[in-house]
Amino acid sequence: MQFGVFTVGDVTPDPTTGRSPTEAERIRGTVAIARKAEEVGLDVFATGEHHNPPFVPSSPTTLLGYIAAQTERIILSTSTTLITTNDPVKIAEDFSVLQHLSGGRTDVMLGRGNTGPVYPWFGQDIRQAIPLTVEHYGLLRRLWREESVDWEGELRTPLQGFTLAPRPLDGIPPFVWHGSIRTPEIAELAAYYGDGFFANHIFWPPSHTRTMVELYRRRFEHYGHGRPEQAVVGLGGQVFMRRNSQDAVREFRPYFDNAPVYGHGPSLEEFTAQTPLTVGSPGEVVEKTLGFREYAGDYQRQLFLIDHAGLPLKTVLEQLDLLGEEVVPVLRKEFAAGRPADVPAAPTHQSLLGARNAERAAAAAPEPTDE
């Protein structure tokens, strides 16, 4: 099972000091977080994509390419690449380049985005969000898999004889996760293609996440990709830790109360009771995270949000130390216990390449004879 962190890249004033980092400080801080995540033994670093204040990650592959040059092992992903407002040709190019730069340490999470004004900024209509998702992704898959693409759709100009350059590393496209909080059509799309489904359930109760994941698993089986338990699932979550849970609650409360995403709403106590947000000791984070399996089944990727709402970089790096030293080692052991042998691991470039090569070798093997 993979464990990692994701960022939404918000530039938010620290409510305890009133100071906001500059955009440059926030971007450099994000690089420091990714490097620290690798240092403490996490598997994945992921960044969102946003094109409006107070967020800075408008060019995720630029950021991830820079991080790739400063890391050696960690998988670099997006926690949203906007399949609706980005052109699929550009997505295909950018992630192929990132694959080559990172040595295959690349996958992608596609999403629609939930900021309405972004659509007209990129020449699109938010009322076409689902049709754009379906059409753009169908084209993206072909661009990564076919040498020459002739294509015509309804929401984009046609292509004639288009060849992607560079081609995907080793001829293996990046593994695709489809991320959604609330849209069943996205779970259906992931199931149809046999891709991964990422339920970023930081705002919703477990009952909602259970419904979305169960839908994806059922439809994964329906389309012939395997049993429901073999579908590839990822979950989001958010944590804030101190060794003493009362210290964690006291320190995090002003950040929660003023967060640009969920501040000024339910109390911290109400939110932690109703959603996966965990504020407390490392042991409490372990206990609540292990509970995700009760409603999501055995899954493949767990990403935590740890740098939201104006938290100082020093504090975020301390969170990573706690994750790497006290939380993830326990989660690895406990999630592995009782995990059925036929539940797949999260796909990586190397595992996909190995599976492709094994298929080719099997196809080339001579037929057995009776002699």
Protein backbone atom coordinates (compact mmCIF):
# COMPACT_ATOMS: atom_id res chain seq x y z
CA MET A 1 0.00 0.00 0.00
CA GLN A 2 1.21 3.50 -0.83
CA PHE A 3 1.23 6.39 1.62
CA GLY A 4 1.86 10.00 0.82
CA VAL A 5 0.82 13.63 1.08
CA PHE A 6 -0.93 16.04 -1.23
CA THR A 7 -1.10 19.81 -1.31
CA VAL A 8 -3.71 22.24 -2.59
CA GLY A 9 -1.10 25.00 -2.59
CA ASP A 10 -3.12 27.70 -0.83
CA VAL A 11 -1.46 30.96 0.21
CA THR A 12 -3.30 31.67 3.44
CA PRO A 13 -2.41 34.08 6.27
CA ASP A 14 -1.24 32.39 9.43
CA PRO A 15 -4.11 33.25 11.79
CA THR A 16 -1.78 33.25 14.80
CA THR A 17 0.61 35.83 13.32
CA GLY A 18 -1.31 37.49 10.48
CA ARG A 19 1.57 36.89 8.11
CA SER A 20 1.07 35.44 4.64
CA PRO A 21 3.94 33.73 2.81
CA THR A 22 4.83 35.18 -0.54
CA GLU A 23 3.96 33.11 -3.59
CA ALA A 24 7.66 32.34 -4.02
CA GLU A 25 7.92 31.18 -0.40
CA ARG A 26 4.88 28.96 -0.79
CA ILE A 27 6.21 27.34 -3.97
CA ARG A 28 9.66 26.78 -2.47
CA GLY A 29 7.99 25.44 0.67
CA THR A 30 6.08 22.93 -1.42
CA VAL A 31 9.36 21.66 -2.85
CA ALA A 32 10.72 21.32 0.69
CA ILE A 33 7.63 19.32 1.68
CA ALA A 34 8.12 16.92 -1.24
CA ARG A 35 11.78 16.41 -0.41
CA LYS A 36 10.96 15.83 3.25
CA ALA A 37 8.23 13.34 2.30
CA GLU A 38 10.84 11.25 0.50
CA GLU A 39 13.30 11.63 3.37
CA VAL A 40 10.86 10.23 5.94
CA GLY A 41 9.96 7.25 3.76
CA LEU A 42 6.64 8.18 2.16
CA ASP A 43 5.75 6.81 -1.25
CA VAL A 44 3.87 9.61 -3.01
CA PHE A 45 3.86 13.39 -3.26
CA ALA A 46 0.94 14.97 -5.14
CA THR A 47 -0.01 18.52 -6.01
CA GLY A 48 -3.34 19.99 -7.04
CA GLU A 49 -3.97 22.31 -9.96
CA HIS A 50 -5.52 25.71 -9.37
CA HIS A 51 -5.69 28.86 -11.47
CA ASN A 52 -7.17 31.31 -9.00
CA PRO A 53 -6.04 33.00 -5.80
CA PRO A 54 -5.28 32.08 -3.06
CA PHE A 55 -3.64 29.07 -4.76
CA VAL A 56 -0.30 28.86 -6.57
CA PRO A 57 0.04 25.44 -8.30
CA SER A 58 -1.15 26.54 -11.74
CA SER A 59 1.53 24.45 -13.52
CA PRO A 60 1.79 21.09 -11.73
CA THR A 61 4.12 19.38 -14.19
CA THR A 62 6.58 22.28 -13.99
CA LEU A 63 6.61 21.94 -10.21
CA LEU A 64 6.86 18.14 -10.32
CA GLY A 65 9.65 18.24 -12.90
CA TYR A 66 11.68 20.47 -10.58
CA ILE A 67 10.99 18.12 -7.68
CA ALA A 68 11.94 15.11 -9.80
CA ALA A 69 15.44 16.57 -10.19
CA GLN A 70 15.82 16.76 -6.40
CA THR A 71 14.42 13.36 -5.45
CA GLU A 72 15.23 9.76 -6.30
CA ARG A 73 12.45 7.45 -5.18
CA ILE A 74 9.16 9.13 -4.42
CA ILE A 75 6.28 8.89 -6.91
CA LEU A 76 5.24 12.29 -8.25
CA SER A 77 1.56 12.74 -9.00
CA THR A 78 -1.13 15.30 -9.29
CA SER A 79 -4.00 15.40 -6.85
CA THR A 80 -5.98 17.04 -9.63
CA THR A 81 -5.17 17.59 -13.28
CA LEU A 82 -8.10 19.39 -14.85
CA ILE A 83 -9.24 17.12 -17.66
CA THR A 84 -12.03 19.57 -18.47
CA THR A 85 -10.14 22.81 -19.07
CA ASN A 86 -6.74 21.44 -20.11
CA ASP A 87 -6.33 20.26 -23.67
CA PRO A 88 -5.71 16.50 -23.76
CA VAL A 89 -2.87 16.91 -26.24
CA LYS A 90 -1.03 19.16 -23.78
CA ILE A 91 -1.72 16.81 -20.87
CA ALA A 92 -0.31 13.91 -22.89
CA GLU A 93 2.82 15.86 -23.79
CA ASP A 94 3.47 17.23 -20.32
CA PHE A 95 3.17 13.91 -18.54
CA SER A 96 5.23 12.06 -21.12
CA VAL A 97 8.03 14.58 -20.55
CA LEU A 98 7.63 14.22 -16.78
CA GLN A 99 7.85 10.43 -17.10
CA HIS A 100 11.19 10.71 -18.88
CA LEU A 101 12.55 13.28 -16.42
CA SER A 102 11.53 11.26 -13.37
CA GLY A 103 12.48 7.83 -14.67
CA GLY A 104 8.88 6.70 -14.58
CA ARG A 105 8.08 8.02 -11.09
CA THR A 106 4.93 9.63 -12.43
CA ASP A 107 1.21 9.09 -12.39
CA VAL A 108 -1.75 11.42 -12.80
CA MET A 109 -5.05 12.07 -11.08
CA LEU A 110 -7.69 13.57 -13.34
CA GLY A 111 -10.57 15.69 -12.07
CA ARG A 112 -13.13 18.23 -13.20
CA GLY A 113 -12.32 20.99 -10.73
CA ASN A 114 -14.92 22.81 -8.67
CA THR A 115 -14.12 26.46 -9.45
CA GLY A 116 -16.70 27.74 -11.91
CA PRO A 117 -14.83 30.79 -13.28
CA VAL A 118 -11.91 28.64 -14.45
CA TYR A 119 -13.95 27.16 -17.29
CA PRO A 120 -14.39 30.37 -19.35
CA TRP A 121 -10.79 31.35 -18.61
CA PHE A 122 -9.80 28.35 -20.70
CA GLY A 123 -12.56 28.66 -23.27
CA GLN A 124 -14.91 26.05 -21.84
CA ASP A 125 -18.45 25.90 -20.47
CA ILE A 126 -18.93 24.46 -16.97
CA ARG A 127 -22.31 23.08 -18.09
CA GLN A 128 -20.33 20.70 -20.31
CA ALA A 129 -18.12 19.45 -17.45
CA ILE A 130 -19.08 15.77 -17.67
CA PRO A 131 -19.11 15.59 -21.51
CA LEU A 132 -15.73 17.36 -21.56
CA THR A 133 -14.35 14.85 -19.07
CA VAL A 134 -15.50 11.85 -21.09
CA GLU A 135 -14.44 13.17 -24.49
CA HIS A 136 -11.09 14.58 -23.40
CA TYR A 137 -10.14 11.43 -21.53
CA GLY A 138 -11.06 9.18 -24.43
CA LEU A 139 -8.69 11.20 -26.62
CA LEU A 140 -5.95 11.29 -23.97
CA ARG A 141 -5.89 7.50 -23.75
CA ARG A 142 -5.46 7.18 -27.49
CA LEU A 143 -2.68 9.78 -27.61
CA TRP A 144 -0.65 7.76 -25.11
CA ARG A 145 -1.32 4.40 -26.79
CA GLU A 146 -1.38 4.97 -30.57
CA GLU A 147 1.45 6.07 -32.85
CA SER A 148 -0.82 8.03 -35.18
CA VAL A 149 -4.18 9.39 -34.06
CA ASP A 150 -7.09 10.37 -36.27
CA TRP A 151 -9.84 11.68 -34.01
CA GLU A 152 -13.00 13.74 -34.18
CA GLY A 153 -15.28 14.73 -31.32
CA GLU A 154 -17.88 17.33 -30.47
CA LEU A 155 -16.02 19.64 -28.07
CA ARG A 156 -12.58 19.96 -29.66
CA THR A 157 -11.12 20.43 -33.12
CA PRO A 158 -10.28 17.17 -34.96
CA LEU A 159 -6.84 15.59 -35.20
CA GLN A 160 -5.40 14.02 -38.34
CA GLY A 161 -2.34 11.82 -38.14
CA PHE A 162 -1.17 13.28 -34.84
CA THR A 163 1.83 11.63 -33.18
CA LEU A 164 2.65 12.43 -29.59
CA ALA A 165 6.22 13.52 -28.90
CA PRO A 166 7.78 12.31 -26.74
CA ARG A 167 6.11 8.94 -26.58
CA PRO A 168 5.43 7.59 -23.06
CA LEU A 169 8.51 6.16 -21.34
CA ASP A 170 9.00 2.50 -22.37
CA GLY A 171 5.67 2.73 -24.20
CA ILE A 172 3.85 2.68 -20.83
CA PRO A 173 1.36 5.52 -20.23
CA PRO A 174 1.23 7.00 -16.73
CA PHE A 175 -1.24 5.21 -14.49
CA VAL A 176 -4.44 7.23 -14.22
CA TRP A 177 -6.49 7.86 -11.10
CA HIS A 178 -9.87 9.55 -11.51
CA GLY A 179 -10.46 11.81 -8.53
CA SER A 180 -13.89 12.82 -7.33
CA ILE A 181 -15.61 13.92 -4.16
CA ARG A 182 -19.24 13.63 -5.17
CA THR A 183 -19.73 12.70 -8.85
CA PRO A 184 -20.83 9.13 -9.65
CA GLU A 185 -20.15 9.60 -13.38
CA ILE A 186 -16.43 9.83 -12.54
CA ALA A 187 -16.53 6.55 -10.62
CA GLU A 188 -18.25 5.04 -13.65
CA LEU A 189 -15.57 6.39 -16.00
CA ALA A 190 -12.77 4.96 -13.85
CA ALA A 191 -14.51 1.59 -13.73
CA TYR A 192 -15.15 1.51 -17.49
CA TYR A 193 -11.45 1.84 -18.31
CA GLY A 194 -10.17 -0.19 -15.36
CA ASP A 195 -8.33 2.84 -13.98
CA GLY A 196 -7.92 3.85 -10.35
CA PHE A 197 -10.58 5.75 -8.43
CA PHE A 198 -9.52 8.28 -5.79
CA ALA A 199 -12.18 9.39 -3.31
CA ASN A 200 -10.91 12.58 -1.73
CA HIS A 201 -13.25 12.34 1.20
CA ILE A 202 -11.88 15.12 3.41
CA PHE A 203 -15.22 16.95 3.44
CA TRP A 204 -17.74 14.10 3.46
CA PRO A 205 -18.93 11.50 5.98
CA PRO A 206 -17.90 7.85 5.63
CA SER A 207 -21.35 6.87 4.37
CA HIS A 208 -20.88 9.00 1.25
CA THR A 209 -17.42 7.62 0.55
CA ARG A 210 -18.70 4.08 1.00
CA THR A 211 -21.40 4.72 -1.61
CA MET A 212 -18.93 6.10 -4.16
CA VAL A 213 -16.33 3.38 -3.66
CA GLU A 214 -18.90 0.59 -3.75
CA LEU A 215 -20.31 1.98 -7.01
CA TYR A 216 -16.84 2.02 -8.55
CA ARG A 217 -16.06 -1.51 -7.38
CA ARG A 218 -19.34 -2.92 -8.73
CA ARG A 219 -18.90 -1.29 -12.10
CA PHE A 220 -15.23 -2.34 -12.26
CA GLU A 221 -16.43 -5.93 -12.07
CA HIS A 222 -19.27 -5.26 -14.52
CA TYR A 223 -16.78 -4.13 -17.18
CA GLY A 224 -14.74 -7.31 -16.75
CA HIS A 225 -11.62 -5.99 -15.04
CA GLY A 226 -11.78 -8.31 -12.04
CA ARG A 227 -13.66 -8.82 -8.83
CA PRO A 228 -14.79 -5.73 -6.88
CA GLU A 229 -12.08 -6.36 -4.29
CA GLN A 230 -9.45 -6.09 -7.03
CA ALA A 231 -10.37 -2.57 -8.07
CA VAL A 232 -7.75 0.13 -7.42
CA VAL A 233 -8.90 2.64 -4.79
CA GLY A 234 -7.23 5.66 -3.22
CA LEU A 235 -8.45 7.81 -0.35
CA GLY A 236 -7.72 11.30 0.86
CA GLY A 237 -7.60 12.49 4.42
CA GLN A 238 -6.35 15.34 6.57
CA VAL A 239 -4.42 15.17 9.81
CA PHE A 240 -2.80 17.43 12.36
CA MET A 241 -0.74 15.82 15.09
CA ARG A 242 1.06 16.51 18.28
CA ARG A 243 2.17 13.81 20.67
CA ASN A 244 -0.46 15.05 23.09
CA SER A 245 -3.93 15.22 21.53
CA GLN A 246 -4.99 18.25 23.59
CA ASP A 247 -1.97 20.16 22.29
CA ALA A 248 -2.93 19.24 18.72
CA VAL A 249 -6.48 20.50 19.12
CA ARG A 250 -5.39 23.72 20.78
CA GLU A 251 -2.74 24.48 18.16
CA PHE A 252 -4.82 23.55 15.10
CA ARG A 253 -8.09 25.26 16.10
CA PRO A 254 -7.27 28.78 14.80
CA TYR A 255 -6.10 27.30 11.48
CA PHE A 256 -9.27 25.24 11.13
CA ASP A 257 -11.52 28.16 12.06
CA ASN A 258 -10.00 30.41 9.39
CA ALA A 259 -9.32 27.88 6.62
CA PRO A 260 -10.37 29.15 3.18
CA VAL A 261 -12.04 25.85 2.33
CA TYR A 262 -13.93 24.76 5.44
CA GLY A 263 -13.49 27.57 7.96
CA HIS A 264 -16.36 29.57 9.44
CA GLY A 265 -18.66 26.54 9.32
CA PRO A 266 -19.04 23.56 11.66
CA SER A 267 -16.86 23.48 14.74
CA LEU A 268 -13.61 21.53 14.78
CA GLU A 269 -15.22 18.94 17.03
CA GLU A 270 -18.22 18.53 14.71
CA PHE A 271 -16.02 18.26 11.64
CA THR A 272 -13.69 15.67 13.12
CA ALA A 273 -16.66 13.62 14.31
CA GLN A 274 -18.35 13.60 10.90
CA THR A 275 -15.44 13.46 8.44
CA PRO A 276 -12.00 11.79 8.15
CA LEU A 277 -10.23 14.89 9.55
CA THR A 278 -8.11 13.73 12.50
CA VAL A 279 -6.63 16.19 14.99
CA GLY A 280 -4.81 14.48 17.82
CA SER A 281 -1.96 12.15 18.65
CA PRO A 282 -0.20 9.83 16.17
CA GLY A 283 -2.02 6.92 17.77
CA GLU A 284 -5.38 8.56 17.11
CA VAL A 285 -4.40 9.14 13.47
CA VAL A 286 -3.49 5.48 13.14
CA GLU A 287 -6.75 4.34 14.71
CA LYS A 288 -8.99 6.54 12.57
CA THR A 289 -7.11 5.83 9.34
CA LEU A 290 -7.33 2.08 9.89
CA GLY A 291 -11.08 2.58 10.19
CA PHE A 292 -11.23 3.71 6.55
CA ARG A 293 -10.90 0.07 5.53
CA GLU A 294 -14.23 -0.70 7.22
CA TYR A 295 -16.12 1.24 4.55
CA ALA A 296 -13.67 1.34 1.62
CA GLY A 297 -12.31 -2.21 1.77
CA ASP A 298 -8.66 -3.03 1.12
CA TYR A 299 -7.33 -0.12 -0.87
CA GLN A 300 -4.07 0.90 -2.48
CA ARG A 301 -3.21 4.56 -1.78
CA GLN A 302 -3.68 6.86 1.20
CA LEU A 303 -2.80 10.54 0.82
CA PHE A 304 -2.91 13.08 3.66
CA LEU A 305 -3.36 16.83 3.43
CA ILE A 306 -1.05 18.40 6.00
CA ASP A 307 -0.12 21.90 4.77
CA HIS A 308 -3.45 23.71 4.39
CA ALA A 309 -4.83 26.84 6.07
CA GLY A 310 -1.67 28.85 6.69
CA LEU A 311 0.29 26.32 8.73
CA PRO A 312 3.95 27.38 8.91
CA LEU A 313 6.43 25.30 6.92
CA LYS A 314 8.25 24.34 10.13
CA THR A 315 5.02 22.87 11.51
CA VAL A 316 4.31 20.98 8.27
CA LEU A 317 7.77 19.42 8.30
CA GLU A 318 7.16 18.35 11.91
CA GLN A 319 3.95 16.68 10.73
CA LEU A 320 5.97 14.75 8.16
CA ASP A 321 8.39 13.58 10.85
CA LEU A 322 5.46 12.21 12.85
CA LEU A 323 3.97 10.56 9.78
CA GLY A 324 7.24 8.93 8.82
CA GLU A 325 8.31 7.86 12.31
CA GLU A 326 5.12 7.00 14.18
CA VAL A 327 2.15 6.71 11.81
CA VAL A 328 3.02 5.19 8.43
CA PRO A 329 5.15 2.29 9.76
CA VAL A 330 2.21 1.16 11.91
CA LEU A 331 -0.28 1.65 9.08
CA ARG A 332 1.86 -0.40 6.68
CA LYS A 333 1.95 -3.29 9.12
CA GLU A 334 -1.72 -3.16 10.08
CA PHE A 335 -3.08 -2.69 6.56
CA ALA A 336 -0.96 -5.63 5.36
CA ALA A 337 -2.40 -7.90 8.04
CA GLY A 338 -5.17 -9.99 6.57
CA ARG A 339 -4.96 -8.38 3.16
CA PRO A 340 -6.01 -10.98 0.56
CA ALA A 341 -3.19 -12.08 -1.73
CA ASP A 342 -5.21 -11.31 -4.87
CA VAL A 343 -5.80 -7.66 -3.96
CA PRO A 344 -3.36 -5.84 -6.24
CA ALA A 345 -0.81 -3.30 -5.14
CA ALA A 346 -1.00 0.22 -6.50
CA PRO A 347 0.32 0.20 -10.07
CA THR A 348 3.72 1.77 -10.72
CA HIS A 349 5.68 2.26 -13.90
CA GLN A 350 7.83 -0.74 -13.12
CA SER A 351 4.91 -3.03 -12.33
CA LEU A 352 3.06 -1.99 -15.49
CA LEU A 353 6.22 -2.47 -17.56
CA GLY A 354 6.77 -5.89 -16.03
CA ALA A 355 3.19 -6.94 -16.75
CA ARG A 356 3.48 -5.75 -20.36
CA ASN A 357 6.75 -7.61 -20.88
CA ALA A 358 5.33 -10.79 -19.33
CA GLU A 359 2.34 -10.64 -21.69
CA ARG A 360 4.64 -10.23 -24.69
CA ALA A 361 6.83 -13.11 -23.56
CA ALA A 362 3.80 -15.35 -23.08
CA ALA A 363 2.47 -14.43 -26.51
CA ALA A 364 5.83 -15.19 -28.14
CA ALA A 365 6.32 -18.52 -26.41
CA PRO A 366 5.97 -21.55 -28.69
CA GLU A 367 2.84 -23.62 -28.39
CA PRO A 368 3.35 -26.81 -26.37
CA THR A 369 3.35 -30.04 -28.35
CA ASP A 370 2.35 -33.58 -27.48
CA GLU A 371 5.79 -34.90 -28.41
